[in-house]
């Protein structure tokens, strides 16, 4: 049986399928949009419109690379505020045209550089949380690798939150947790065990709604197997969500996330 840190290592593998690979495999006629209309285009977040079968959708992904060059171009999957603002622009457009939004999330966290902070990183993430909570369209988010902190949550205030079998979702990395709690980042394996960051832990806690199977050793060993499962599950789930009364959909989304506040009180 794999340890929690074994799963962390799989989630971080450079060969792990990226958001664009899932988007291009699952959807048809994907057209990528660029820019936040305020500052620039952030290549750590990709997004646009596509068809899932005959259903028009907006798809968004946090993109990592498979090489050093690709990761530099994508800022190692750590978005700037303009990336989150681009994602929100696409989600608001989807709401206008009544399209469901599907987000593929793989990030260690939002970029914490000086420029990102100067341009309002915290505000951009908070705005996404606020706006997504009341959007009048179905929202589905899928953790396909790392789901790190507010950088992941900024695209995950959704009606359904799914996670791949060997992905993680947490408030910070095991190394960060160990550094803060024990002043020793070398205790990251121990931290991973107690943080409850694996798919099974998160399902039991109600943080995620579904675990998507992967091939032995991770989705990189059989990409089509996992991508086909996601495609079928998405099609069925979107049909169910589109049938719901909008006010009921928003109320259920609110209650889904409100329960976590109740746990902390």
Protein backbone atom coordinates (compact mmCIF):
# COMPACT_ATOMS: atom_id res chain seq x y z
CA UNK A 1 0.00 0.00 0.00
CA UNK A 2 1.33 3.42 -0.94
CA UNK A 3 2.01 6.03 1.72
CA UNK A 4 0.60 9.55 1.50
CA UNK A 5 4.01 10.84 0.43
CA UNK A 6 4.23 8.22 -2.31
CA UNK A 7 1.03 9.73 -3.69
CA UNK A 8 2.51 13.23 -3.36
CA UNK A 9 5.46 12.13 -5.50
CA UNK A 10 3.16 10.71 -8.19
CA UNK A 11 1.05 13.89 -8.18
CA UNK A 12 4.20 15.92 -8.81
CA UNK A 13 5.67 13.76 -11.59
CA UNK A 14 6.77 15.85 -14.56
CA UNK A 15 5.32 13.17 -16.85
CA UNK A 16 1.85 13.48 -15.32
CA UNK A 17 -0.75 14.44 -18.00
CA UNK A 18 -1.36 18.17 -18.18
CA UNK A 19 -4.58 20.16 -18.28
CA UNK A 20 -4.22 20.78 -22.03
CA UNK A 21 -3.77 17.08 -22.70
CA UNK A 22 -7.05 16.32 -20.93
CA UNK A 23 -8.81 19.24 -22.63
CA UNK A 24 -7.68 18.26 -26.12
CA UNK A 25 -8.57 14.59 -25.59
CA UNK A 26 -11.95 15.00 -23.87
CA UNK A 27 -13.36 17.99 -25.77
CA UNK A 28 -13.87 18.82 -29.43
CA UNK A 29 -13.10 22.08 -31.26
CA UNK A 30 -11.28 23.74 -28.36
CA UNK A 31 -10.60 27.42 -28.99
CA UNK A 32 -8.23 29.03 -26.50
CA UNK A 33 -8.80 32.61 -25.32
CA UNK A 34 -6.05 34.84 -23.97
CA UNK A 35 -5.59 37.72 -21.56
CA UNK A 36 -7.43 39.28 -18.65
CA UNK A 37 -8.22 42.58 -20.45
CA UNK A 38 -6.22 44.38 -17.75
CA UNK A 39 -2.54 43.46 -17.84
CA UNK A 40 -1.40 40.47 -19.92
CA UNK A 41 -1.94 36.81 -20.76
CA UNK A 42 -0.83 34.40 -18.03
CA UNK A 43 0.27 31.13 -19.62
CA UNK A 44 -0.03 29.26 -16.32
CA UNK A 45 -3.79 29.28 -16.88
CA UNK A 46 -5.34 28.20 -20.17
CA UNK A 47 -8.99 28.44 -21.09
CA UNK A 48 -11.54 28.75 -23.82
CA UNK A 49 -14.63 27.18 -25.33
CA UNK A 50 -15.17 23.65 -26.58
CA UNK A 51 -17.76 20.92 -27.05
CA UNK A 52 -18.26 17.91 -24.81
CA UNK A 53 -20.22 15.77 -27.24
CA UNK A 54 -22.88 18.24 -28.33
CA UNK A 55 -22.72 20.32 -25.14
CA UNK A 56 -20.94 23.71 -25.47
CA UNK A 57 -18.67 24.28 -22.47
CA UNK A 58 -16.08 26.64 -21.10
CA UNK A 59 -12.93 24.80 -20.05
CA UNK A 60 -10.14 26.17 -17.86
CA UNK A 61 -6.91 24.56 -16.75
CA UNK A 62 -3.83 25.31 -14.70
CA UNK A 63 -1.05 24.20 -17.01
CA UNK A 64 2.32 22.71 -16.10
CA UNK A 65 4.98 21.57 -18.58
CA UNK A 66 6.85 18.33 -19.20
CA UNK A 67 10.26 19.97 -19.72
CA UNK A 68 12.20 22.77 -18.05
CA UNK A 69 11.50 25.02 -21.03
CA UNK A 70 7.76 24.33 -20.91
CA UNK A 71 7.64 24.84 -17.17
CA UNK A 72 9.44 28.17 -17.43
CA UNK A 73 6.90 29.26 -20.06
CA UNK A 74 4.03 28.14 -17.78
CA UNK A 75 5.67 29.46 -14.59
CA UNK A 76 5.65 25.90 -13.24
CA UNK A 77 1.86 26.02 -13.02
CA UNK A 78 1.82 28.88 -10.49
CA UNK A 79 -0.60 31.54 -11.79
CA UNK A 80 -0.27 35.30 -11.43
CA UNK A 81 -3.33 37.42 -10.58
CA UNK A 82 -3.95 38.05 -14.28
CA UNK A 83 -4.34 34.30 -14.72
CA UNK A 84 -7.12 34.17 -12.16
CA UNK A 85 -8.70 37.27 -13.71
CA UNK A 86 -8.58 35.60 -17.13
CA UNK A 87 -10.29 32.55 -15.64
CA UNK A 88 -12.99 34.74 -14.09
CA UNK A 89 -13.49 36.58 -17.38
CA UNK A 90 -14.10 33.24 -19.09
CA UNK A 91 -16.45 32.08 -16.34
CA UNK A 92 -18.50 35.28 -16.54
CA UNK A 93 -18.70 34.85 -20.30
CA UNK A 94 -19.87 31.27 -19.76
CA UNK A 95 -22.57 32.52 -17.39
CA UNK A 96 -23.75 35.02 -20.00
CA UNK A 97 -24.15 32.27 -22.62
CA UNK A 98 -25.34 29.58 -20.18
CA UNK A 99 -22.36 27.25 -20.63
CA UNK A 100 -21.12 24.92 -17.87
CA UNK A 101 -17.54 25.44 -16.70
CA UNK A 102 -15.07 22.60 -16.18
CA UNK A 103 -11.73 23.36 -14.51
CA UNK A 104 -8.64 21.12 -14.47
CA UNK A 105 -6.41 22.00 -11.53
CA UNK A 106 -2.71 21.21 -11.07
CA UNK A 107 -0.72 23.76 -9.09
CA UNK A 108 1.55 23.90 -6.09
CA UNK A 109 -0.06 27.27 -5.41
CA UNK A 110 -0.47 30.78 -6.74
CA UNK A 111 2.76 32.61 -7.59
CA UNK A 112 4.03 34.52 -4.57
CA UNK A 113 6.45 36.91 -6.26
CA UNK A 114 6.58 40.63 -5.57
CA UNK A 115 4.97 41.57 -8.89
CA UNK A 116 2.06 39.21 -8.30
CA UNK A 117 1.47 40.70 -4.88
CA UNK A 118 1.70 44.24 -6.24
CA UNK A 119 -0.94 43.42 -8.86
CA UNK A 120 -3.35 42.05 -6.25
CA UNK A 121 -2.87 38.29 -6.02
CA UNK A 122 -4.98 37.96 -2.87
CA UNK A 123 -7.77 40.13 -4.26
CA UNK A 124 -7.86 38.18 -7.53
CA UNK A 125 -8.23 34.86 -5.70
CA UNK A 126 -10.84 36.25 -3.30
CA UNK A 127 -12.83 37.71 -6.20
CA UNK A 128 -12.95 34.29 -7.86
CA UNK A 129 -14.21 32.66 -4.65
CA UNK A 130 -16.92 35.31 -4.31
CA UNK A 131 -18.05 35.23 -7.93
CA UNK A 132 -18.02 31.45 -8.32
CA UNK A 133 -20.17 30.97 -5.24
CA UNK A 134 -23.11 32.66 -6.96
CA UNK A 135 -22.69 31.78 -10.63
CA UNK A 136 -25.91 30.65 -12.33
CA UNK A 137 -24.31 27.81 -14.29
CA UNK A 138 -22.99 24.34 -13.44
CA UNK A 139 -19.37 24.29 -12.24
CA UNK A 140 -17.15 21.21 -12.01
CA UNK A 141 -13.52 21.16 -10.84
CA UNK A 142 -11.08 18.27 -11.14
CA UNK A 143 -7.75 17.91 -9.31
CA UNK A 144 -5.42 16.25 -11.82
CA UNK A 145 -2.12 16.62 -9.91
CA UNK A 146 -1.37 19.01 -7.09
CA UNK A 147 -4.16 21.09 -5.60
CA UNK A 148 -2.24 23.64 -3.59
CA UNK A 149 -3.76 26.22 -1.27
CA UNK A 150 -5.79 29.21 -2.45
CA UNK A 151 -4.17 28.90 -5.87
CA UNK A 152 -6.22 25.74 -6.41
CA UNK A 153 -9.30 26.84 -4.45
CA UNK A 154 -9.63 29.88 -6.73
CA UNK A 155 -10.94 27.52 -9.44
CA UNK A 156 -12.65 25.00 -7.15
CA UNK A 157 -15.72 26.68 -5.63
CA UNK A 158 -17.84 24.34 -7.73
CA UNK A 159 -20.95 22.20 -7.58
CA UNK A 160 -18.79 19.10 -7.90
CA UNK A 161 -15.13 18.72 -6.95
CA UNK A 162 -13.44 15.55 -8.23
CA UNK A 163 -9.93 14.26 -7.75
CA UNK A 164 -7.76 11.76 -9.58
CA UNK A 165 -6.74 8.75 -7.52
CA UNK A 166 -3.11 9.85 -7.21
CA UNK A 167 -3.69 13.58 -6.82
CA UNK A 168 -3.61 15.73 -3.68
CA UNK A 169 -5.48 18.78 -2.39
CA UNK A 170 -4.26 20.73 0.63
CA UNK A 171 -3.83 24.09 2.29
CA UNK A 172 -0.06 23.95 1.71
CA UNK A 173 2.68 21.49 0.80
CA UNK A 174 3.89 18.81 3.25
CA UNK A 175 7.27 20.56 3.26
CA UNK A 176 5.63 23.86 4.20
CA UNK A 177 3.51 22.19 6.86
CA UNK A 178 6.56 20.51 8.42
CA UNK A 179 8.55 23.76 8.32
CA UNK A 180 5.83 25.68 10.13
CA UNK A 181 4.80 23.04 12.66
CA UNK A 182 8.15 21.43 13.47
CA UNK A 183 10.67 23.89 11.95
CA UNK A 184 11.99 20.95 9.93
CA UNK A 185 11.03 20.46 6.27
CA UNK A 186 12.72 17.03 6.32
CA UNK A 187 9.67 15.74 8.21
CA UNK A 188 7.51 16.21 5.11
CA UNK A 189 6.71 12.49 4.81
CA UNK A 190 5.34 12.50 8.35
CA UNK A 191 3.41 15.68 7.59
CA UNK A 192 1.80 14.17 4.51
CA UNK A 193 0.39 11.33 6.60
CA UNK A 194 -1.36 13.60 9.10
CA UNK A 195 -2.53 16.33 6.70
CA UNK A 196 -5.27 14.18 5.11
CA UNK A 197 -4.39 15.28 1.58
CA UNK A 198 -4.92 12.07 -0.41
CA UNK A 199 -7.98 11.38 -2.54
CA UNK A 200 -9.37 8.77 -0.13
CA UNK A 201 -8.91 11.04 2.89
CA UNK A 202 -10.57 13.95 1.11
CA UNK A 203 -13.52 11.81 0.00
CA UNK A 204 -14.09 10.62 3.57
CA UNK A 205 -13.98 14.22 4.81
CA UNK A 206 -16.43 15.37 2.12
CA UNK A 207 -13.96 17.81 0.59
CA UNK A 208 -14.24 16.03 -2.78
CA UNK A 209 -17.24 14.27 -4.28
CA UNK A 210 -15.65 11.64 -6.50
CA UNK A 211 -12.36 9.82 -7.04
CA UNK A 212 -11.35 9.14 -10.65
CA UNK A 213 -9.41 5.89 -11.17
CA UNK A 214 -5.91 5.87 -12.58
CA UNK A 215 -3.70 3.10 -13.97
CA UNK A 216 -1.21 1.50 -11.59
CA UNK A 217 1.52 4.02 -10.84
CA UNK A 218 -0.41 7.01 -12.14
CA UNK A 219 -2.31 8.42 -15.11
CA UNK A 220 0.93 8.92 -17.03
CA UNK A 221 1.10 5.12 -17.44
CA UNK A 222 -2.26 4.97 -19.25
CA UNK A 223 -3.57 8.42 -20.08
CA UNK A 224 -6.49 7.26 -22.20
CA UNK A 225 -7.87 5.07 -19.40
CA UNK A 226 -8.28 8.00 -17.00
CA UNK A 227 -9.27 10.53 -19.68
CA UNK A 228 -12.07 8.26 -20.92
CA UNK A 229 -13.44 7.93 -17.38
CA UNK A 230 -13.39 11.71 -16.93
CA UNK A 231 -15.13 12.24 -20.27
CA UNK A 232 -17.97 9.85 -19.47
CA UNK A 233 -18.40 11.13 -15.91
CA UNK A 234 -18.41 14.76 -17.07
CA UNK A 235 -21.04 14.16 -19.73
CA UNK A 236 -23.39 12.41 -17.29
CA UNK A 237 -22.83 14.93 -14.50
CA UNK A 238 -23.34 18.01 -16.67
CA UNK A 239 -26.66 16.63 -17.92
CA UNK A 240 -27.78 16.17 -14.29
CA UNK A 241 -26.63 19.63 -13.21
CA UNK A 242 -28.24 21.36 -16.20
CA UNK A 243 -31.60 19.88 -15.19
CA UNK A 244 -31.47 21.48 -11.74
CA UNK A 245 -33.25 24.69 -10.89
CA UNK A 246 -30.64 27.46 -10.85
CA UNK A 247 -31.56 28.76 -7.41
CA UNK A 248 -31.41 25.21 -6.05
CA UNK A 249 -28.01 24.70 -7.68
CA UNK A 250 -26.62 27.85 -6.03
CA UNK A 251 -28.14 26.93 -2.67
CA UNK A 252 -26.56 23.47 -2.75
CA UNK A 253 -23.20 24.97 -3.74
CA UNK A 254 -23.44 27.43 -0.83
CA UNK A 255 -24.31 24.67 1.63
CA UNK A 256 -21.51 22.48 0.31
CA UNK A 257 -18.87 25.03 1.25
CA UNK A 258 -20.63 26.49 4.28
CA UNK A 259 -20.34 23.17 6.10
CA UNK A 260 -16.55 23.55 6.25
CA UNK A 261 -16.98 26.84 8.11
CA UNK A 262 -19.24 25.07 10.58
CA UNK A 263 -16.55 22.44 11.20
CA UNK A 264 -14.08 25.14 12.19
CA UNK A 265 -16.35 26.98 14.60
